[in-house]
């Protein structure tokens, strides 16, 4: 503040004090009003920064709440997918990924894993061959893929215990689309259901 501004303020305080019945109260109110004016200007300058900080805090809290909700529902966090957690992955899972997923979901023994691996490898090879076949229509491919999946399911089911079979059936019901739903909503071919 320059000296002429300071003199004007000092002059205003002196005039108010001499004309008021309570000079010290008037001076205190004048000083408080000037201070409040400076503080409000500072808050106005900081407004954008505070809004940004509040939005960042809200996003962090909602992300934490979503993670906690997924944990409460018993869903394992997606491993190695970073920001794509909870989103559908693109492309088919490898045999190792599928076996790891089944092992985690069904608590497979090492003996069960050894029996299931060749079944998954066989299905994976047949699916890959089927995807590369350009002579078949998309609907025929989807029908063939469905029958391959059902064949794999029927081969895996006897290897599982009764408790694992129940979980396996629940997993299949969640992941297998109904027979008439062969296309994704955007018109592209729907990826084969993940196990």
C-alpha atoms as a PDB file:
ATOM      1  CA  UNK A   1       0.000   0.000   0.000  1.00  0.00           C
ATOM      2  CA  UNK A   2       1.414   3.410  -0.919  1.00  0.00           C
ATOM      3  CA  UNK A   3       1.719   6.357   1.489  1.00  0.00           C
ATOM      4  CA  UNK A   4      -1.228   8.367   0.098  1.00  0.00           C
ATOM      5  CA  UNK A   5      -3.543   5.362   0.550  1.00  0.00           C
ATOM      6  CA  UNK A   6      -2.282   4.923   4.096  1.00  0.00           C
ATOM      7  CA  UNK A   7      -2.874   8.607   4.860  1.00  0.00           C
ATOM      8  CA  UNK A   8      -6.435   8.384   3.493  1.00  0.00           C
ATOM      9  CA  UNK A   9      -7.184   5.378   5.683  1.00  0.00           C
ATOM     10  CA  UNK A  10      -5.651   7.017   8.743  1.00  0.00           C
ATOM     11  CA  UNK A  11      -7.638  10.182   8.068  1.00  0.00           C
ATOM     12  CA  UNK A  12     -10.862   8.117   7.749  1.00  0.00           C
ATOM     13  CA  UNK A  13     -10.173   6.385  11.077  1.00  0.00           C
ATOM     14  CA  UNK A  14      -9.513   9.712  12.847  1.00  0.00           C
ATOM     15  CA  UNK A  15     -12.728  11.232  11.429  1.00  0.00           C
ATOM     16  CA  UNK A  16     -14.763   8.195  12.494  1.00  0.00           C
ATOM     17  CA  UNK A  17     -13.237   8.186  15.984  1.00  0.00           C
ATOM     18  CA  UNK A  18     -13.923  11.903  16.556  1.00  0.00           C
ATOM     19  CA  UNK A  19     -17.543  11.739  15.367  1.00  0.00           C
ATOM     20  CA  UNK A  20     -18.497   8.468  17.053  1.00  0.00           C
ATOM     21  CA  UNK A  21     -19.850   7.885  20.566  1.00  0.00           C
ATOM     22  CA  UNK A  22     -17.611   4.791  20.879  1.00  0.00           C
ATOM     23  CA  UNK A  23     -14.366   5.766  19.112  1.00  0.00           C
ATOM     24  CA  UNK A  24     -12.389   2.606  19.886  1.00  0.00           C
ATOM     25  CA  UNK A  25     -15.188   0.307  18.744  1.00  0.00           C
ATOM     26  CA  UNK A  26     -15.474   2.272  15.526  1.00  0.00           C
ATOM     27  CA  UNK A  27     -11.725   2.007  14.933  1.00  0.00           C
ATOM     28  CA  UNK A  28     -11.833  -1.743  15.611  1.00  0.00           C
ATOM     29  CA  UNK A  29     -14.716  -2.214  13.149  1.00  0.00           C
ATOM     30  CA  UNK A  30     -12.849  -0.182  10.514  1.00  0.00           C
ATOM     31  CA  UNK A  31      -9.684  -2.270  10.928  1.00  0.00           C
ATOM     32  CA  UNK A  32     -11.701  -5.513  10.894  1.00  0.00           C
ATOM     33  CA  UNK A  33     -13.501  -4.476   7.693  1.00  0.00           C
ATOM     34  CA  UNK A  34     -10.186  -3.711   5.985  1.00  0.00           C
ATOM     35  CA  UNK A  35      -8.745  -7.021   7.097  1.00  0.00           C
ATOM     36  CA  UNK A  36     -11.843  -8.907   5.925  1.00  0.00           C
ATOM     37  CA  UNK A  37     -11.566  -7.199   2.538  1.00  0.00           C
ATOM     38  CA  UNK A  38      -7.978  -8.425   2.135  1.00  0.00           C
ATOM     39  CA  UNK A  39      -8.878 -11.943   3.317  1.00  0.00           C
ATOM     40  CA  UNK A  40     -11.832 -12.201   0.935  1.00  0.00           C
ATOM     41  CA  UNK A  41      -9.621 -11.111  -1.981  1.00  0.00           C
ATOM     42  CA  UNK A  42      -7.135 -13.818  -1.023  1.00  0.00           C
ATOM     43  CA  UNK A  43      -9.908 -16.439  -0.869  1.00  0.00           C
ATOM     44  CA  UNK A  44     -11.127 -15.365  -4.295  1.00  0.00           C
ATOM     45  CA  UNK A  45      -7.616 -15.875  -5.702  1.00  0.00           C
ATOM     46  CA  UNK A  46      -7.377 -19.294  -4.078  1.00  0.00           C
ATOM     47  CA  UNK A  47     -10.834 -20.362  -5.274  1.00  0.00           C
ATOM     48  CA  UNK A  48      -9.606 -22.321  -8.301  1.00  0.00           C
ATOM     49  CA  UNK A  49      -6.919 -24.097  -6.321  1.00  0.00           C
ATOM     50  CA  UNK A  50      -9.379 -25.077  -3.594  1.00  0.00           C
ATOM     51  CA  UNK A  51     -11.937 -26.393  -6.103  1.00  0.00           C
ATOM     52  CA  UNK A  52      -9.217 -28.473  -7.787  1.00  0.00           C
ATOM     53  CA  UNK A  53      -8.068 -29.841  -4.437  1.00  0.00           C
ATOM     54  CA  UNK A  54     -11.643 -30.722  -3.428  1.00  0.00           C
ATOM     55  CA  UNK A  55     -12.277 -32.509  -6.739  1.00  0.00           C
ATOM     56  CA  UNK A  56      -9.056 -34.481  -6.373  1.00  0.00           C
ATOM     57  CA  UNK A  57     -10.029 -35.463  -2.847  1.00  0.00           C
ATOM     58  CA  UNK A  58     -13.517 -36.522  -3.987  1.00  0.00           C
ATOM     59  CA  UNK A  59     -12.066 -38.688  -6.779  1.00  0.00           C
ATOM     60  CA  UNK A  60      -9.607 -40.319  -4.395  1.00  0.00           C
ATOM     61  CA  UNK A  61     -12.368 -41.076  -1.894  1.00  0.00           C
ATOM     62  CA  UNK A  62     -14.686 -42.528  -4.526  1.00  0.00           C
ATOM     63  CA  UNK A  63     -11.892 -44.739  -5.900  1.00  0.00           C
ATOM     64  CA  UNK A  64     -11.137 -46.005  -2.421  1.00  0.00           C
ATOM     65  CA  UNK A  65     -14.828 -46.660  -1.787  1.00  0.00           C
ATOM     66  CA  UNK A  66     -15.138 -48.598  -5.065  1.00  0.00           C
ATOM     67  CA  UNK A  67     -12.096 -50.716  -4.198  1.00  0.00           C
ATOM     68  CA  UNK A  68     -13.502 -51.423  -0.721  1.00  0.00           C
ATOM     69  CA  UNK A  69     -16.884 -52.352  -2.210  1.00  0.00           C
ATOM     70  CA  UNK A  70     -15.219 -54.809  -4.606  1.00  0.00           C
ATOM     71  CA  UNK A  71     -13.342 -56.361  -1.689  1.00  0.00           C
ATOM     72  CA  UNK A  72     -16.576 -56.661   0.335  1.00  0.00           C
ATOM     73  CA  UNK A  73     -18.240 -58.468  -2.571  1.00  0.00           C
ATOM     74  CA  UNK A  74     -15.385 -60.973  -2.652  1.00  0.00           C
ATOM     75  CA  UNK A  75     -14.109 -59.952  -6.074  1.00  0.00           C
ATOM     76  CA  UNK A  76     -10.351 -60.283  -6.351  1.00  0.00           C
ATOM     77  CA  UNK A  77      -8.583 -57.189  -7.664  1.00  0.00           C
ATOM     78  CA  UNK A  78      -7.616 -57.476 -11.325  1.00  0.00           C
ATOM     79  CA  UNK A  79      -3.910 -58.197 -11.448  1.00  0.00           C
ATOM     80  CA  UNK A  80      -1.670 -56.442 -13.948  1.00  0.00           C
ATOM     81  CA  UNK A  81      -4.448 -54.395 -15.500  1.00  0.00           C
ATOM     82  CA  UNK A  82      -3.838 -51.050 -13.780  1.00  0.00           C
ATOM     83  CA  UNK A  83      -6.557 -48.560 -14.657  1.00  0.00           C
ATOM     84  CA  UNK A  84      -8.550 -51.201 -16.536  1.00  0.00           C
ATOM     85  CA  UNK A  85      -9.543 -52.875 -13.284  1.00  0.00           C
ATOM     86  CA  UNK A  86     -13.151 -53.986 -13.508  1.00  0.00           C
ATOM     87  CA  UNK A  87     -13.269 -53.393 -17.247  1.00  0.00           C
ATOM     88  CA  UNK A  88     -13.620 -56.268 -19.680  1.00  0.00           C
ATOM     89  CA  UNK A  89     -10.242 -57.215 -21.116  1.00  0.00           C
ATOM     90  CA  UNK A  90      -9.690 -57.242 -24.841  1.00  0.00           C
ATOM     91  CA  UNK A  91      -9.005 -60.582 -26.519  1.00  0.00           C
ATOM     92  CA  UNK A  92      -9.027 -64.137 -25.210  1.00  0.00           C
ATOM     93  CA  UNK A  93      -7.172 -65.203 -22.084  1.00  0.00           C
ATOM     94  CA  UNK A  94      -4.151 -67.438 -22.472  1.00  0.00           C
ATOM     95  CA  UNK A  95      -4.266 -71.010 -21.193  1.00  0.00           C
ATOM     96  CA  UNK A  96      -2.055 -70.072 -18.235  1.00  0.00           C
ATOM     97  CA  UNK A  97      -4.276 -67.112 -17.347  1.00  0.00           C
ATOM     98  CA  UNK A  98      -7.405 -69.242 -17.543  1.00  0.00           C
ATOM     99  CA  UNK A  99      -5.831 -71.995 -15.410  1.00  0.00           C
ATOM    100  CA  UNK A 100      -4.650 -69.423 -12.864  1.00  0.00           C
ATOM    101  CA  UNK A 101      -8.147 -67.893 -12.765  1.00  0.00           C
ATOM    102  CA  UNK A 102      -9.794 -71.297 -12.287  1.00  0.00           C
ATOM    103  CA  UNK A 103      -7.259 -72.231  -9.612  1.00  0.00           C
ATOM    104  CA  UNK A 104      -7.982 -69.013  -7.746  1.00  0.00           C
ATOM    105  CA  UNK A 105     -11.769 -69.222  -8.069  1.00  0.00           C
ATOM    106  CA  UNK A 106     -12.160 -72.983  -7.444  1.00  0.00           C
ATOM    107  CA  UNK A 107      -9.108 -73.624  -5.249  1.00  0.00           C
ATOM    108  CA  UNK A 108      -7.806 -76.354  -7.581  1.00  0.00           C
ATOM    109  CA  UNK A 109      -5.237 -78.844  -6.357  1.00  0.00           C
ATOM    110  CA  UNK A 110      -2.028 -79.362  -8.334  1.00  0.00           C
ATOM    111  CA  UNK A 111      -3.381 -82.720  -9.548  1.00  0.00           C
ATOM    112  CA  UNK A 112      -6.563 -81.036 -10.826  1.00  0.00           C
ATOM    113  CA  UNK A 113      -4.485 -78.323 -12.521  1.00  0.00           C
ATOM    114  CA  UNK A 114      -2.406 -80.969 -14.300  1.00  0.00           C
ATOM    115  CA  UNK A 115      -5.573 -82.656 -15.603  1.00  0.00           C
ATOM    116  CA  UNK A 116      -7.301 -79.427 -16.649  1.00  0.00           C
ATOM    117  CA  UNK A 117      -4.324 -77.796 -18.431  1.00  0.00           C
ATOM    118  CA  UNK A 118      -4.403 -80.076 -21.532  1.00  0.00           C
ATOM    119  CA  UNK A 119      -8.169 -79.613 -21.836  1.00  0.00           C
ATOM    120  CA  UNK A 120      -7.738 -75.823 -21.859  1.00  0.00           C
ATOM    121  CA  UNK A 121      -4.803 -76.027 -24.278  1.00  0.00           C
ATOM    122  CA  UNK A 122      -6.821 -78.172 -26.679  1.00  0.00           C
ATOM    123  CA  UNK A 123      -9.750 -75.755 -26.548  1.00  0.00           C
ATOM    124  CA  UNK A 124      -7.434 -72.764 -27.037  1.00  0.00           C
ATOM    125  CA  UNK A 125      -5.876 -74.330 -30.157  1.00  0.00           C
ATOM    126  CA  UNK A 126      -9.280 -75.168 -31.615  1.00  0.00           C
ATOM    127  CA  UNK A 127     -10.586 -71.653 -30.886  1.00  0.00           C
ATOM    128  CA  UNK A 128      -7.543 -70.087 -32.533  1.00  0.00           C
ATOM    129  CA  UNK A 129      -8.014 -72.235 -35.620  1.00  0.00           C
ATOM    130  CA  UNK A 130     -11.696 -71.340 -35.672  1.00  0.00           C
ATOM    131  CA  UNK A 131     -10.988 -67.596 -35.403  1.00  0.00           C
ATOM    132  CA  UNK A 132      -8.612 -67.829 -38.375  1.00  0.00           C
ATOM    133  CA  UNK A 133     -11.129 -69.692 -40.528  1.00  0.00           C
ATOM    134  CA  UNK A 134     -12.490 -67.190 -43.064  1.00  0.00           C
ATOM    135  CA  UNK A 135     -14.761 -69.682 -44.814  1.00  0.00           C
ATOM    136  CA  UNK A 136     -17.330 -69.750 -41.961  1.00  0.00           C
ATOM    137  CA  UNK A 137     -19.929 -67.098 -41.244  1.00  0.00           C
ATOM    138  CA  UNK A 138     -19.788 -65.278 -37.925  1.00  0.00           C
ATOM    139  CA  UNK A 139     -22.924 -67.044 -36.692  1.00  0.00           C
ATOM    140  CA  UNK A 140     -21.462 -70.460 -37.563  1.00  0.00           C
ATOM    141  CA  UNK A 141     -18.243 -69.566 -35.762  1.00  0.00           C
ATOM    142  CA  UNK A 142     -20.170 -68.491 -32.672  1.00  0.00           C
ATOM    143  CA  UNK A 143     -22.174 -71.727 -32.693  1.00  0.00           C
ATOM    144  CA  UNK A 144     -18.984 -73.770 -33.024  1.00  0.00           C
ATOM    145  CA  UNK A 145     -17.277 -71.762 -30.248  1.00  0.00           C
ATOM    146  CA  UNK A 146     -20.261 -72.374 -27.982  1.00  0.00           C
ATOM    147  CA  UNK A 147     -20.098 -76.119 -28.608  1.00  0.00           C
ATOM    148  CA  UNK A 148     -16.327 -76.079 -27.939  1.00  0.00           C
ATOM    149  CA  UNK A 149     -16.929 -74.290 -24.626  1.00  0.00           C
ATOM    150  CA  UNK A 150     -19.636 -76.744 -23.654  1.00  0.00           C
ATOM    151  CA  UNK A 151     -17.333 -79.667 -24.521  1.00  0.00           C
ATOM    152  CA  UNK A 152     -14.589 -78.163 -22.352  1.00  0.00           C
ATOM    153  CA  UNK A 153     -17.042 -77.663 -19.504  1.00  0.00           C
ATOM    154  CA  UNK A 154     -18.214 -81.272 -19.712  1.00  0.00           C
ATOM    155  CA  UNK A 155     -14.586 -82.492 -19.620  1.00  0.00           C
ATOM    156  CA  UNK A 156     -13.621 -80.293 -16.643  1.00  0.00           C
ATOM    157  CA  UNK A 157     -16.715 -80.954 -14.494  1.00  0.00           C
ATOM    158  CA  UNK A 158     -15.858 -84.602 -13.545  1.00  0.00           C
ATOM    159  CA  UNK A 159     -12.392 -83.534 -12.365  1.00  0.00           C
ATOM    160  CA  UNK A 160     -13.895 -81.169  -9.763  1.00  0.00           C
ATOM    161  CA  UNK A 161     -15.239 -81.941  -6.307  1.00  0.00           C
ATOM    162  CA  UNK A 162     -18.972 -81.442  -5.710  1.00  0.00           C
ATOM    163  CA  UNK A 163     -18.368 -78.076  -4.018  1.00  0.00           C
ATOM    164  CA  UNK A 164     -16.128 -76.953  -6.895  1.00  0.00           C
ATOM    165  CA  UNK A 165     -18.756 -78.147  -9.396  1.00  0.00           C
ATOM    166  CA  UNK A 166     -21.357 -75.876  -7.797  1.00  0.00           C
ATOM    167  CA  UNK A 167     -19.010 -72.879  -8.031  1.00  0.00           C
ATOM    168  CA  UNK A 168     -18.117 -73.899 -11.601  1.00  0.00           C
ATOM    169  CA  UNK A 169     -21.797 -73.952 -12.593  1.00  0.00           C
ATOM    170  CA  UNK A 170     -22.339 -70.518 -11.041  1.00  0.00           C
ATOM    171  CA  UNK A 171     -19.323 -69.154 -12.928  1.00  0.00           C
ATOM    172  CA  UNK A 172     -20.660 -70.565 -16.203  1.00  0.00           C
ATOM    173  CA  UNK A 173     -24.097 -69.055 -15.648  1.00  0.00           C
ATOM    174  CA  UNK A 174     -22.546 -65.621 -15.081  1.00  0.00           C
ATOM    175  CA  UNK A 175     -20.192 -65.776 -18.080  1.00  0.00           C
ATOM    176  CA  UNK A 176     -22.080 -67.692 -20.765  1.00  0.00           C
ATOM    177  CA  UNK A 177     -24.357 -65.471 -22.856  1.00  0.00           C
ATOM    178  CA  UNK A 178     -27.804 -66.819 -23.700  1.00  0.00           C
ATOM    179  CA  UNK A 179     -27.971 -68.819 -26.966  1.00  0.00           C
ATOM    180  CA  UNK A 180     -29.500 -65.948 -29.009  1.00  0.00           C
ATOM    181  CA  UNK A 181     -26.980 -63.299 -27.893  1.00  0.00           C
ATOM    182  CA  UNK A 182     -24.062 -63.816 -30.242  1.00  0.00           C
ATOM    183  CA  UNK A 183     -23.141 -60.189 -30.946  1.00  0.00           C
ATOM    184  CA  UNK A 184     -21.858 -57.427 -28.723  1.00  0.00           C
ATOM    185  CA  UNK A 185     -23.959 -54.258 -28.400  1.00  0.00           C
ATOM    186  CA  UNK A 186     -21.789 -52.326 -30.858  1.00  0.00           C
ATOM    187  CA  UNK A 187     -22.318 -54.930 -33.586  1.00  0.00           C
ATOM    188  CA  UNK A 188     -18.857 -56.486 -33.316  1.00  0.00           C
ATOM    189  CA  UNK A 189     -18.447 -60.178 -32.633  1.00  0.00           C
ATOM    190  CA  UNK A 190     -18.774 -60.874 -28.949  1.00  0.00           C
ATOM    191  CA  UNK A 191     -15.612 -62.282 -27.327  1.00  0.00           C
ATOM    192  CA  UNK A 192     -15.911 -65.830 -26.079  1.00  0.00           C
ATOM    193  CA  UNK A 193     -16.915 -65.949 -22.409  1.00  0.00           C
ATOM    194  CA  UNK A 194     -14.062 -66.073 -19.962  1.00  0.00           C
ATOM    195  CA  UNK A 195     -13.772 -68.856 -17.432  1.00  0.00           C
END
